[in-house]
Amino acid sequence: MTIDVDLAAGQIPIWPLGNYRMVERESQPEEDTSVTARLTRLEKQYEETGLRRSVDAVMIVQVRGFPHILVLQVANAFYKLPGGYLDPNESDEEGLVLRLNEQLGIPVETETSGTGYKTGGESDWHVRECLSVWWRPNFDTFMYPYLPPHITEPKECKKLYLVELPPQKTFAVPLNMKLHAIPVMEFYDNAARYGPQFAGLPYLLSR
């Protein structure tokens, strides 16, 4: 059984969580061991390539007929949406599909490049509309769902995209992470636990 969700881009099917299989793969360590290290790397990257662009995926499944969002929990600590940073010449859609394959795809051996990832083609991850855009004005932890008018050189732009899942799929989850399906309602007014980007998802998905 599937349910449909109405969005500006039209209806999308939401499939039951039971349609998806979870397998384990090698750990995928975080690039930074602390917030300070992350901001230091951001500052160095900004000096080299300018504004950092990142993309995250909002993927919805249904549990008992109610929509849930797939969220990664890293090392039993913080939560994040699947996705990551883009290379300077990558498009949003191309880069998001690649990051999803890197994080949750099934590793396979390829003749040309050694270990690669089973992608299933771009139709496997169907990138739909952009739900929100977040800006990091300075080299600190604060991001805003708008660009402050006095900021002329923001340090990071993050976009949240709705990603439509196929009816069935296998997710290869790194050993140091867990893939949770969290009810949309749990994010509402819950920035203290999940952060402002998660807390805004119920508003975005109810438009």
N, C-alpha and C. Protein backbone atom coordinates (compact mmCIF):
# COMPACT_ATOMS: atom_id res chain seq x y z
N MET A 1 0.84 -1.20 0.00
CA MET A 1 0.00 0.00 0.00
C MET A 1 0.88 1.25 0.00
N THR A 2 0.46 2.24 -0.76
CA THR A 2 1.19 3.49 -0.80
C THR A 2 0.24 4.65 -0.54
N ILE A 3 0.80 5.76 -0.08
CA ILE A 3 0.04 6.99 0.05
C ILE A 3 0.70 8.04 -0.82
N ASP A 4 -0.04 9.04 -1.22
CA ASP A 4 0.50 10.12 -2.03
C ASP A 4 0.54 11.39 -1.22
N VAL A 5 1.59 12.19 -1.44
CA VAL A 5 1.73 13.48 -0.78
C VAL A 5 1.67 14.56 -1.84
N ASP A 6 0.84 15.58 -1.63
CA ASP A 6 0.72 16.68 -2.57
C ASP A 6 1.77 17.73 -2.27
N LEU A 7 2.54 18.12 -3.30
CA LEU A 7 3.53 19.18 -3.19
C LEU A 7 3.39 20.08 -4.40
N ALA A 8 4.14 21.18 -4.39
CA ALA A 8 4.07 22.12 -5.51
C ALA A 8 4.43 21.43 -6.82
N ALA A 9 5.33 20.44 -6.75
CA ALA A 9 5.77 19.73 -7.96
C ALA A 9 4.80 18.62 -8.35
N GLY A 10 3.69 18.44 -7.62
CA GLY A 10 2.74 17.38 -7.89
C GLY A 10 2.78 16.32 -6.82
N GLN A 11 2.03 15.25 -7.05
CA GLN A 11 1.97 14.17 -6.08
C GLN A 11 3.20 13.28 -6.18
N ILE A 12 3.67 12.79 -5.03
CA ILE A 12 4.72 11.78 -5.04
C ILE A 12 4.24 10.60 -4.20
N PRO A 13 4.58 9.38 -4.61
CA PRO A 13 4.18 8.20 -3.83
C PRO A 13 5.10 8.01 -2.63
N ILE A 14 4.53 7.64 -1.50
CA ILE A 14 5.28 7.36 -0.29
C ILE A 14 5.07 5.88 0.04
N TRP A 15 6.16 5.10 0.00
CA TRP A 15 6.06 3.66 0.15
C TRP A 15 6.32 3.24 1.59
N PRO A 16 5.82 2.08 1.99
CA PRO A 16 6.02 1.61 3.38
C PRO A 16 7.49 1.33 3.67
N LEU A 17 7.88 1.56 4.92
CA LEU A 17 9.25 1.30 5.34
C LEU A 17 9.62 -0.17 5.13
N GLY A 18 8.64 -1.06 5.27
CA GLY A 18 8.89 -2.49 5.09
C GLY A 18 9.33 -2.87 3.69
N ASN A 19 9.14 -1.96 2.73
CA ASN A 19 9.60 -2.23 1.36
C ASN A 19 11.11 -2.15 1.22
N TYR A 20 11.79 -1.58 2.23
CA TYR A 20 13.22 -1.29 2.10
C TYR A 20 14.04 -2.19 3.01
N ARG A 21 15.16 -2.62 2.48
CA ARG A 21 16.05 -3.53 3.19
C ARG A 21 17.29 -2.77 3.64
N MET A 22 17.75 -3.03 4.86
CA MET A 22 18.95 -2.39 5.40
C MET A 22 20.06 -3.44 5.55
N VAL A 23 21.23 -3.16 4.98
CA VAL A 23 22.39 -4.01 5.17
C VAL A 23 23.53 -3.15 5.70
N GLU A 24 24.53 -3.80 6.29
CA GLU A 24 25.66 -3.07 6.85
C GLU A 24 26.81 -3.00 5.86
N ARG A 25 27.59 -1.94 5.96
CA ARG A 25 28.80 -1.78 5.17
C ARG A 25 29.87 -1.17 6.06
N GLU A 26 31.07 -0.96 5.51
CA GLU A 26 32.18 -0.45 6.30
C GLU A 26 31.85 0.92 6.89
N SER A 27 32.48 1.22 8.03
CA SER A 27 32.26 2.51 8.67
C SER A 27 32.65 3.65 7.74
N GLN A 28 32.01 4.79 7.95
CA GLN A 28 32.28 5.99 7.16
C GLN A 28 32.56 7.12 8.14
N PRO A 29 33.82 7.22 8.61
CA PRO A 29 34.14 8.20 9.65
C PRO A 29 33.83 9.62 9.21
N GLU A 30 33.43 10.43 10.17
CA GLU A 30 33.22 11.84 9.91
C GLU A 30 34.56 12.51 9.60
N GLU A 31 34.53 13.48 8.69
CA GLU A 31 35.77 14.17 8.32
C GLU A 31 36.32 15.00 9.47
N ASP A 32 35.43 15.46 10.34
CA ASP A 32 35.85 16.32 11.45
C ASP A 32 35.50 15.67 12.77
N THR A 33 36.40 15.79 13.74
CA THR A 33 36.20 15.18 15.04
C THR A 33 35.52 16.13 16.04
N SER A 34 35.35 17.39 15.66
CA SER A 34 34.72 18.36 16.55
C SER A 34 34.14 19.51 15.73
N VAL A 35 33.31 20.31 16.37
CA VAL A 35 32.75 21.49 15.70
C VAL A 35 33.87 22.46 15.31
N THR A 36 34.84 22.62 16.19
CA THR A 36 35.97 23.52 15.89
C THR A 36 36.72 23.07 14.66
N ALA A 37 36.95 21.75 14.55
CA ALA A 37 37.65 21.23 13.38
C ALA A 37 36.85 21.44 12.11
N ARG A 38 35.53 21.30 12.21
CA ARG A 38 34.67 21.50 11.04
C ARG A 38 34.73 22.95 10.56
N LEU A 39 34.69 23.88 11.48
CA LEU A 39 34.72 25.30 11.11
C LEU A 39 36.10 25.70 10.57
N THR A 40 37.14 25.09 11.13
CA THR A 40 38.49 25.36 10.62
C THR A 40 38.62 24.89 9.18
N ARG A 41 38.07 23.70 8.90
CA ARG A 41 38.13 23.18 7.54
C ARG A 41 37.29 24.03 6.59
N LEU A 42 36.14 24.51 7.07
CA LEU A 42 35.31 25.40 6.26
C LEU A 42 36.08 26.66 5.88
N GLU A 43 36.78 27.25 6.84
CA GLU A 43 37.53 28.48 6.58
C GLU A 43 38.64 28.23 5.56
N LYS A 44 39.33 27.10 5.68
CA LYS A 44 40.39 26.78 4.73
C LYS A 44 39.82 26.54 3.34
N GLN A 45 38.70 25.82 3.28
CA GLN A 45 38.06 25.55 1.99
C GLN A 45 37.56 26.84 1.35
N TYR A 46 37.04 27.75 2.16
CA TYR A 46 36.54 29.01 1.62
C TYR A 46 37.67 29.81 0.97
N GLU A 47 38.83 29.78 1.58
CA GLU A 47 39.99 30.48 1.01
C GLU A 47 40.40 29.89 -0.34
N GLU A 48 40.16 28.59 -0.52
CA GLU A 48 40.58 27.92 -1.74
C GLU A 48 39.54 28.00 -2.86
N THR A 49 38.26 27.80 -2.51
CA THR A 49 37.23 27.69 -3.56
C THR A 49 36.04 28.63 -3.36
N GLY A 50 36.04 29.43 -2.29
CA GLY A 50 34.93 30.33 -2.06
C GLY A 50 33.74 29.65 -1.40
N LEU A 51 32.55 30.15 -1.67
CA LEU A 51 31.33 29.67 -1.03
C LEU A 51 31.20 28.16 -1.11
N ARG A 52 30.99 27.52 0.04
CA ARG A 52 30.76 26.08 0.05
C ARG A 52 29.28 25.80 -0.18
N ARG A 53 28.99 24.88 -1.08
CA ARG A 53 27.62 24.47 -1.37
C ARG A 53 27.41 23.05 -0.85
N SER A 54 26.29 22.82 -0.22
CA SER A 54 25.96 21.48 0.26
C SER A 54 24.49 21.19 0.00
N VAL A 55 24.18 19.92 -0.11
CA VAL A 55 22.81 19.48 -0.42
C VAL A 55 22.45 18.32 0.50
N ASP A 56 21.21 18.30 0.98
CA ASP A 56 20.71 17.23 1.82
C ASP A 56 19.41 16.69 1.22
N ALA A 57 19.14 15.42 1.53
CA ALA A 57 17.95 14.75 0.98
C ALA A 57 16.90 14.55 2.05
N VAL A 58 15.67 14.93 1.74
CA VAL A 58 14.52 14.64 2.59
C VAL A 58 13.77 13.49 1.92
N MET A 59 13.91 12.30 2.51
CA MET A 59 13.30 11.08 1.94
C MET A 59 12.22 10.59 2.89
N ILE A 60 11.02 10.38 2.35
CA ILE A 60 9.86 10.07 3.17
C ILE A 60 9.41 8.63 2.93
N VAL A 61 9.12 7.94 4.01
CA VAL A 61 8.51 6.61 3.95
C VAL A 61 7.27 6.65 4.85
N GLN A 62 6.47 5.60 4.77
CA GLN A 62 5.30 5.55 5.65
C GLN A 62 5.42 4.38 6.62
N VAL A 63 5.01 4.65 7.85
CA VAL A 63 4.93 3.63 8.89
C VAL A 63 3.53 3.70 9.47
N ARG A 64 2.78 2.63 9.34
CA ARG A 64 1.37 2.60 9.79
C ARG A 64 0.57 3.73 9.17
N GLY A 65 0.87 4.02 7.91
CA GLY A 65 0.11 5.03 7.18
C GLY A 65 0.48 6.46 7.48
N PHE A 66 1.54 6.67 8.29
CA PHE A 66 1.93 8.04 8.64
C PHE A 66 3.32 8.32 8.09
N PRO A 67 3.56 9.53 7.55
CA PRO A 67 4.86 9.82 6.94
C PRO A 67 5.98 9.95 7.97
N HIS A 68 7.09 9.31 7.66
CA HIS A 68 8.32 9.38 8.45
C HIS A 68 9.46 9.82 7.53
N ILE A 69 10.46 10.48 8.11
CA ILE A 69 11.62 10.95 7.36
C ILE A 69 12.83 10.10 7.72
N LEU A 70 13.59 9.69 6.70
CA LEU A 70 14.79 8.90 6.93
C LEU A 70 15.94 9.81 7.36
N VAL A 71 16.52 9.49 8.51
CA VAL A 71 17.55 10.34 9.12
C VAL A 71 18.73 9.46 9.55
N LEU A 72 19.94 9.93 9.32
CA LEU A 72 21.14 9.23 9.78
C LEU A 72 21.51 9.69 11.18
N GLN A 73 21.79 8.75 12.05
CA GLN A 73 22.35 9.05 13.37
C GLN A 73 23.81 8.59 13.36
N VAL A 74 24.70 9.51 13.66
CA VAL A 74 26.13 9.25 13.58
C VAL A 74 26.67 8.91 14.96
N ALA A 75 27.29 7.72 15.08
CA ALA A 75 27.95 7.29 16.32
C ALA A 75 27.06 7.45 17.54
N ASN A 76 25.77 7.11 17.40
CA ASN A 76 24.81 7.20 18.51
C ASN A 76 24.73 8.60 19.10
N ALA A 77 25.07 9.60 18.30
CA ALA A 77 25.08 10.98 18.80
C ALA A 77 24.12 11.84 17.97
N PHE A 78 24.66 12.69 17.11
CA PHE A 78 23.82 13.67 16.42
C PHE A 78 23.14 13.08 15.19
N TYR A 79 22.08 13.77 14.76
CA TYR A 79 21.29 13.36 13.60
C TYR A 79 21.61 14.28 12.42
N LYS A 80 21.54 13.71 11.23
CA LYS A 80 21.71 14.51 10.03
C LYS A 80 20.95 13.88 8.89
N LEU A 81 20.60 14.72 7.92
CA LEU A 81 19.99 14.22 6.70
C LEU A 81 21.08 13.67 5.79
N PRO A 82 20.80 12.63 5.01
CA PRO A 82 21.80 12.17 4.04
C PRO A 82 22.12 13.27 3.03
N GLY A 83 23.36 13.34 2.63
CA GLY A 83 23.81 14.37 1.69
C GLY A 83 25.23 14.75 1.98
N GLY A 84 25.62 15.95 1.55
CA GLY A 84 26.98 16.39 1.82
C GLY A 84 27.39 17.58 0.99
N TYR A 85 28.70 17.84 0.96
CA TYR A 85 29.25 19.00 0.27
C TYR A 85 29.42 18.71 -1.22
N LEU A 86 29.24 19.74 -2.04
CA LEU A 86 29.40 19.62 -3.48
C LEU A 86 30.78 20.07 -3.92
N ASP A 87 31.27 19.46 -4.97
CA ASP A 87 32.47 19.98 -5.63
C ASP A 87 32.09 21.26 -6.37
N PRO A 88 33.05 22.15 -6.62
CA PRO A 88 32.73 23.44 -7.24
C PRO A 88 31.97 23.35 -8.56
N ASN A 89 32.24 22.31 -9.37
CA ASN A 89 31.61 22.23 -10.69
C ASN A 89 30.44 21.26 -10.74
N GLU A 90 29.99 20.76 -9.60
CA GLU A 90 28.86 19.83 -9.58
C GLU A 90 27.53 20.57 -9.53
N SER A 91 26.54 20.04 -10.24
CA SER A 91 25.19 20.56 -10.10
C SER A 91 24.56 19.99 -8.83
N ASP A 92 23.50 20.64 -8.35
CA ASP A 92 22.84 20.17 -7.13
C ASP A 92 22.36 18.73 -7.28
N GLU A 93 21.64 18.45 -8.36
CA GLU A 93 21.05 17.12 -8.54
C GLU A 93 22.13 16.06 -8.72
N GLU A 94 23.10 16.33 -9.58
CA GLU A 94 24.18 15.38 -9.80
C GLU A 94 24.94 15.09 -8.51
N GLY A 95 25.27 16.15 -7.78
CA GLY A 95 26.03 15.99 -6.56
C GLY A 95 25.25 15.26 -5.48
N LEU A 96 23.95 15.54 -5.36
CA LEU A 96 23.14 14.88 -4.33
C LEU A 96 23.03 13.39 -4.61
N VAL A 97 22.80 13.02 -5.87
CA VAL A 97 22.73 11.60 -6.23
C VAL A 97 24.04 10.90 -5.90
N LEU A 98 25.16 11.55 -6.21
CA LEU A 98 26.47 10.97 -5.91
C LEU A 98 26.68 10.80 -4.41
N ARG A 99 26.32 11.82 -3.62
CA ARG A 99 26.50 11.73 -2.17
C ARG A 99 25.62 10.63 -1.56
N LEU A 100 24.40 10.48 -2.08
CA LEU A 100 23.53 9.42 -1.58
C LEU A 100 24.10 8.04 -1.89
N ASN A 101 24.65 7.90 -3.09
CA ASN A 101 25.28 6.63 -3.43
C ASN A 101 26.49 6.36 -2.56
N GLU A 102 27.26 7.39 -2.25
CA GLU A 102 28.45 7.22 -1.42
C GLU A 102 28.09 6.86 0.01
N GLN A 103 27.00 7.44 0.52
CA GLN A 103 26.61 7.21 1.92
C GLN A 103 25.79 5.95 2.12
N LEU A 104 24.87 5.68 1.19
CA LEU A 104 23.90 4.61 1.40
C LEU A 104 23.84 3.60 0.26
N GLY A 105 24.72 3.76 -0.74
CA GLY A 105 24.73 2.83 -1.86
C GLY A 105 25.48 1.55 -1.53
N ILE A 106 25.28 0.54 -2.35
CA ILE A 106 25.95 -0.75 -2.14
C ILE A 106 27.29 -0.74 -2.86
N PRO A 107 28.41 -0.90 -2.13
CA PRO A 107 29.72 -0.91 -2.78
C PRO A 107 29.85 -2.11 -3.72
N VAL A 108 30.41 -1.85 -4.91
CA VAL A 108 30.68 -2.91 -5.88
C VAL A 108 32.05 -2.67 -6.48
N GLU A 109 32.67 -3.73 -6.96
CA GLU A 109 33.96 -3.60 -7.63
C GLU A 109 33.73 -3.27 -9.11
N THR A 110 34.44 -2.26 -9.59
CA THR A 110 34.36 -1.88 -11.00
C THR A 110 35.71 -2.09 -11.66
N GLU A 111 35.71 -2.36 -12.95
CA GLU A 111 36.95 -2.64 -13.67
C GLU A 111 37.83 -1.41 -13.82
N THR A 112 37.22 -0.25 -13.89
CA THR A 112 37.99 0.95 -14.21
C THR A 112 38.48 1.69 -12.98
N SER A 113 37.70 1.69 -11.90
CA SER A 113 38.07 2.55 -10.78
C SER A 113 38.11 1.83 -9.44
N GLY A 114 38.17 0.47 -9.46
CA GLY A 114 38.22 -0.23 -8.19
C GLY A 114 36.85 -0.26 -7.54
N THR A 115 36.80 0.15 -6.29
CA THR A 115 35.52 0.12 -5.56
C THR A 115 34.64 1.30 -5.96
N GLY A 116 33.44 0.98 -6.39
CA GLY A 116 32.46 2.02 -6.74
C GLY A 116 31.18 1.78 -5.98
N TYR A 117 30.07 2.28 -6.52
CA TYR A 117 28.80 2.14 -5.82
C TYR A 117 27.70 1.79 -6.81
N LYS A 118 26.87 0.87 -6.37
CA LYS A 118 25.74 0.47 -7.19
C LYS A 118 24.69 1.57 -7.15
N THR A 119 24.47 2.21 -8.28
CA THR A 119 23.61 3.39 -8.28
C THR A 119 22.19 3.07 -8.71
N GLY A 120 22.02 2.13 -9.64
CA GLY A 120 20.69 1.86 -10.15
C GLY A 120 20.22 2.94 -11.10
N GLY A 121 21.10 3.87 -11.49
CA GLY A 121 20.70 4.95 -12.37
C GLY A 121 20.10 6.10 -11.59
N GLU A 122 20.00 7.25 -12.22
CA GLU A 122 19.49 8.43 -11.53
C GLU A 122 18.03 8.26 -11.11
N SER A 123 17.30 7.36 -11.81
CA SER A 123 15.90 7.17 -11.43
C SER A 123 15.77 6.49 -10.07
N ASP A 124 16.86 5.88 -9.58
CA ASP A 124 16.83 5.24 -8.28
C ASP A 124 16.64 6.26 -7.16
N TRP A 125 17.30 7.41 -7.30
CA TRP A 125 17.09 8.54 -6.39
C TRP A 125 16.50 9.66 -7.26
N HIS A 126 15.23 9.92 -7.12
CA HIS A 126 14.58 10.93 -7.96
C HIS A 126 14.55 12.26 -7.21
N VAL A 127 15.44 13.18 -7.57
CA VAL A 127 15.53 14.47 -6.89
C VAL A 127 14.39 15.36 -7.37
N ARG A 128 13.55 15.79 -6.44
CA ARG A 128 12.40 16.63 -6.78
C ARG A 128 12.68 18.08 -6.39
N GLU A 129 11.70 18.75 -5.82
CA GLU A 129 11.82 20.19 -5.59
C GLU A 129 12.73 20.53 -4.42
N CYS A 130 13.26 21.74 -4.47
CA CYS A 130 14.05 22.27 -3.36
C CYS A 130 13.08 22.77 -2.30
N LEU A 131 13.20 22.24 -1.08
CA LEU A 131 12.27 22.59 -0.01
C LEU A 131 12.68 23.85 0.74
N SER A 132 13.99 24.05 0.91
CA SER A 132 14.45 25.24 1.62
C SER A 132 15.93 25.47 1.35
N VAL A 133 16.36 26.71 1.58
CA VAL A 133 17.76 27.10 1.39
C VAL A 133 18.24 27.74 2.69
N TRP A 134 19.38 27.26 3.19
CA TRP A 134 19.96 27.75 4.43
C TRP A 134 21.31 28.38 4.16
N TRP A 135 21.61 29.45 4.90
CA TRP A 135 22.85 30.20 4.68
C TRP A 135 23.67 30.27 5.97
N ARG A 136 24.99 30.12 5.80
CA ARG A 136 25.91 30.33 6.91
C ARG A 136 26.65 31.65 6.64
N PRO A 137 26.31 32.72 7.37
CA PRO A 137 26.92 34.02 7.08
C PRO A 137 28.40 34.10 7.45
N ASN A 138 28.79 33.41 8.52
CA ASN A 138 30.14 33.55 9.06
C ASN A 138 30.75 32.18 9.37
N PHE A 139 31.97 32.18 9.83
CA PHE A 139 32.64 30.93 10.20
C PHE A 139 32.23 30.52 11.62
N ASP A 140 30.95 30.21 11.78
CA ASP A 140 30.44 29.74 13.07
C ASP A 140 29.33 28.73 12.81
N THR A 141 28.66 28.30 13.85
CA THR A 141 27.70 27.20 13.71
C THR A 141 26.32 27.65 13.25
N PHE A 142 26.05 28.94 13.21
CA PHE A 142 24.70 29.41 12.94
C PHE A 142 24.40 29.46 11.44
N MET A 143 23.24 28.84 11.09
CA MET A 143 22.73 28.92 9.73
C MET A 143 21.31 29.45 9.78
N TYR A 144 20.90 30.17 8.74
CA TYR A 144 19.59 30.82 8.72
C TYR A 144 18.86 30.47 7.42
N PRO A 145 17.51 30.41 7.48
CA PRO A 145 16.74 30.11 6.28
C PRO A 145 16.54 31.33 5.38
N TYR A 146 17.47 32.25 5.45
CA TYR A 146 17.48 33.46 4.62
C TYR A 146 18.90 34.01 4.68
N LEU A 147 19.24 34.86 3.73
CA LEU A 147 20.55 35.51 3.74
C LEU A 147 20.39 36.91 4.32
N PRO A 148 20.98 37.18 5.48
CA PRO A 148 20.87 38.52 6.08
C PRO A 148 21.31 39.58 5.08
N PRO A 149 20.57 40.69 4.97
CA PRO A 149 20.85 41.69 3.93
C PRO A 149 22.22 42.34 4.04
N HIS A 150 22.82 42.33 5.23
CA HIS A 150 24.11 42.98 5.37
C HIS A 150 25.28 42.03 5.05
N ILE A 151 24.96 40.77 4.73
CA ILE A 151 26.00 39.79 4.41
C ILE A 151 26.20 39.73 2.90
N THR A 152 27.37 40.09 2.45
CA THR A 152 27.68 40.07 1.02
C THR A 152 28.53 38.87 0.61
N GLU A 153 29.17 38.23 1.56
CA GLU A 153 30.02 37.08 1.26
C GLU A 153 29.72 35.93 2.24
N PRO A 154 28.58 35.25 2.04
CA PRO A 154 28.26 34.12 2.92
C PRO A 154 29.28 33.00 2.74
N LYS A 155 29.38 32.16 3.77
CA LYS A 155 30.40 31.12 3.75
C LYS A 155 29.87 29.78 3.27
N GLU A 156 28.57 29.54 3.41
CA GLU A 156 28.01 28.26 2.96
C GLU A 156 26.55 28.45 2.58
N CYS A 157 26.13 27.71 1.56
CA CYS A 157 24.72 27.65 1.15
C CYS A 157 24.30 26.18 1.14
N LYS A 158 23.31 25.84 1.94
CA LYS A 158 22.83 24.46 2.01
C LYS A 158 21.39 24.41 1.50
N LYS A 159 21.12 23.44 0.61
CA LYS A 159 19.78 23.27 0.07
C LYS A 159 19.22 21.91 0.47
N LEU A 160 17.96 21.89 0.89
CA LEU A 160 17.27 20.66 1.23
C LEU A 160 16.34 20.30 0.09
N TYR A 161 16.55 19.12 -0.48
CA TYR A 161 15.74 18.66 -1.61
C TYR A 161 14.88 17.48 -1.21
N LEU A 162 13.66 17.47 -1.70
CA LEU A 162 12.82 16.29 -1.57
C LEU A 162 13.33 15.24 -2.56
N VAL A 163 13.55 14.03 -2.08
CA VAL A 163 14.02 12.95 -2.94
C VAL A 163 12.99 11.82 -2.90
N GLU A 164 12.45 11.50 -4.06
CA GLU A 164 11.46 10.43 -4.16
C GLU A 164 12.17 9.08 -4.24
N LEU A 165 11.75 8.15 -3.41
CA LEU A 165 12.35 6.82 -3.39
C LEU A 165 11.60 5.87 -4.33
N PRO A 166 12.30 4.85 -4.85
CA PRO A 166 11.62 3.82 -5.65
C PRO A 166 10.77 2.94 -4.75
N PRO A 167 9.90 2.11 -5.31
CA PRO A 167 9.04 1.25 -4.48
C PRO A 167 9.82 0.30 -3.58
N GLN A 168 10.99 -0.14 -4.02
CA GLN A 168 11.84 -1.03 -3.23
C GLN A 168 13.29 -0.65 -3.41
N LYS A 169 14.09 -0.83 -2.36
CA LYS A 169 15.50 -0.46 -2.44
C LYS A 169 16.24 -1.07 -1.25
N THR A 170 17.54 -1.31 -1.45
CA THR A 170 18.40 -1.75 -0.36
C THR A 170 19.32 -0.60 0.02
N PHE A 171 19.33 -0.24 1.30
CA PHE A 171 20.22 0.78 1.81
C PHE A 171 21.41 0.09 2.49
N ALA A 172 22.62 0.49 2.11
CA ALA A 172 23.83 -0.02 2.76
C ALA A 172 24.27 1.03 3.77
N VAL A 173 24.03 0.76 5.04
CA VAL A 173 24.26 1.75 6.10
C VAL A 173 25.63 1.51 6.73
N PRO A 174 26.49 2.54 6.80
CA PRO A 174 27.80 2.38 7.45
C PRO A 174 27.66 1.90 8.90
N LEU A 175 28.63 1.11 9.34
CA LEU A 175 28.57 0.51 10.67
C LEU A 175 28.50 1.54 11.79
N ASN A 176 29.10 2.72 11.58
CA ASN A 176 29.10 3.74 12.63
C ASN A 176 27.88 4.66 12.55
N MET A 177 26.91 4.29 11.74
CA MET A 177 25.70 5.09 11.60
C MET A 177 24.47 4.21 11.71
N LYS A 178 23.34 4.83 11.99
CA LYS A 178 22.05 4.16 11.97
C LYS A 178 21.10 4.97 11.11
N LEU A 179 20.27 4.28 10.36
CA LEU A 179 19.27 4.95 9.54
C LEU A 179 17.92 4.78 10.21
N HIS A 180 17.39 5.90 10.70
CA HIS A 180 16.12 5.89 11.43
C HIS A 180 15.00 6.48 10.57
N ALA A 181 13.80 5.97 10.77
CA ALA A 181 12.60 6.60 10.20
C ALA A 181 11.89 7.30 11.35
N ILE A 182 11.91 8.63 11.33
CA ILE A 182 11.36 9.42 12.44
C ILE A 182 10.06 10.10 11.99
N PRO A 183 9.00 10.00 12.79
CA PRO A 183 7.73 10.63 12.40
C PRO A 183 7.89 12.13 12.17
N VAL A 184 7.24 12.62 11.13
CA VAL A 184 7.32 14.05 10.82
C VAL A 184 6.90 14.88 12.02
N MET A 185 5.88 14.44 12.75
CA MET A 185 5.37 15.22 13.87
C MET A 185 6.39 15.37 14.99
N GLU A 186 7.37 14.45 15.09
CA GLU A 186 8.34 14.54 16.16
C GLU A 186 9.29 15.73 15.99
N PHE A 187 9.44 16.19 14.77
CA PHE A 187 10.32 17.34 14.53
C PHE A 187 9.68 18.67 14.90
N TYR A 188 8.34 18.68 14.92
CA TYR A 188 7.63 19.95 15.13
C TYR A 188 8.01 20.58 16.47
N ASP A 189 8.48 21.82 16.43
CA ASP A 189 8.83 22.58 17.63
C ASP A 189 9.84 21.83 18.50
N ASN A 190 10.76 21.10 17.84
CA ASN A 190 11.72 20.27 18.57
C ASN A 190 13.15 20.60 18.14
N ALA A 191 13.43 21.89 17.98
CA ALA A 191 14.77 22.30 17.57
C ALA A 191 15.81 21.99 18.63
N ALA A 192 15.40 21.90 19.89
CA ALA A 192 16.35 21.62 20.96
C ALA A 192 17.01 20.27 20.77
N ARG A 193 16.27 19.31 20.23
CA ARG A 193 16.84 17.97 20.03
C ARG A 193 17.44 17.79 18.64
N TYR A 194 16.73 18.28 17.61
CA TYR A 194 17.13 17.99 16.24
C TYR A 194 17.75 19.16 15.50
N GLY A 195 17.60 20.38 16.01
CA GLY A 195 18.12 21.55 15.31
C GLY A 195 17.05 22.22 14.47
N PRO A 196 17.27 23.48 14.09
CA PRO A 196 16.24 24.25 13.38
C PRO A 196 15.89 23.73 12.00
N GLN A 197 16.85 23.12 11.29
CA GLN A 197 16.54 22.61 9.96
C GLN A 197 15.54 21.47 10.02
N PHE A 198 15.71 20.55 10.95
CA PHE A 198 14.75 19.48 11.14
C PHE A 198 13.41 20.02 11.63
N ALA A 199 13.46 20.96 12.56
CA ALA A 199 12.22 21.50 13.14
C ALA A 199 11.36 22.18 12.09
N GLY A 200 11.95 22.67 11.02
CA GLY A 200 11.19 23.33 9.97
C GLY A 200 10.56 22.39 8.96
N LEU A 201 10.91 21.09 8.99
CA LEU A 201 10.41 20.16 7.97
C LEU A 201 8.89 20.00 7.99
N PRO A 202 8.22 19.92 9.16
CA PRO A 202 6.76 19.81 9.12
C PRO A 202 6.09 20.97 8.38
N TYR A 203 6.62 22.19 8.55
CA TYR A 203 6.07 23.35 7.84
C TYR A 203 6.28 23.19 6.34
N LEU A 204 7.50 22.80 5.94
CA LEU A 204 7.83 22.70 4.52
C LEU A 204 6.99 21.63 3.82
N LEU A 205 6.79 20.50 4.50
CA LEU A 205 6.07 19.39 3.87
C LEU A 205 4.56 19.57 3.91
N SER A 206 4.08 20.51 4.70
CA SER A 206 2.63 20.74 4.77
C SER A 206 2.17 21.87 3.86
N ARG A 207 3.10 22.45 3.10
CA ARG A 207 2.71 23.57 2.23
C ARG A 207 1.70 23.13 1.19
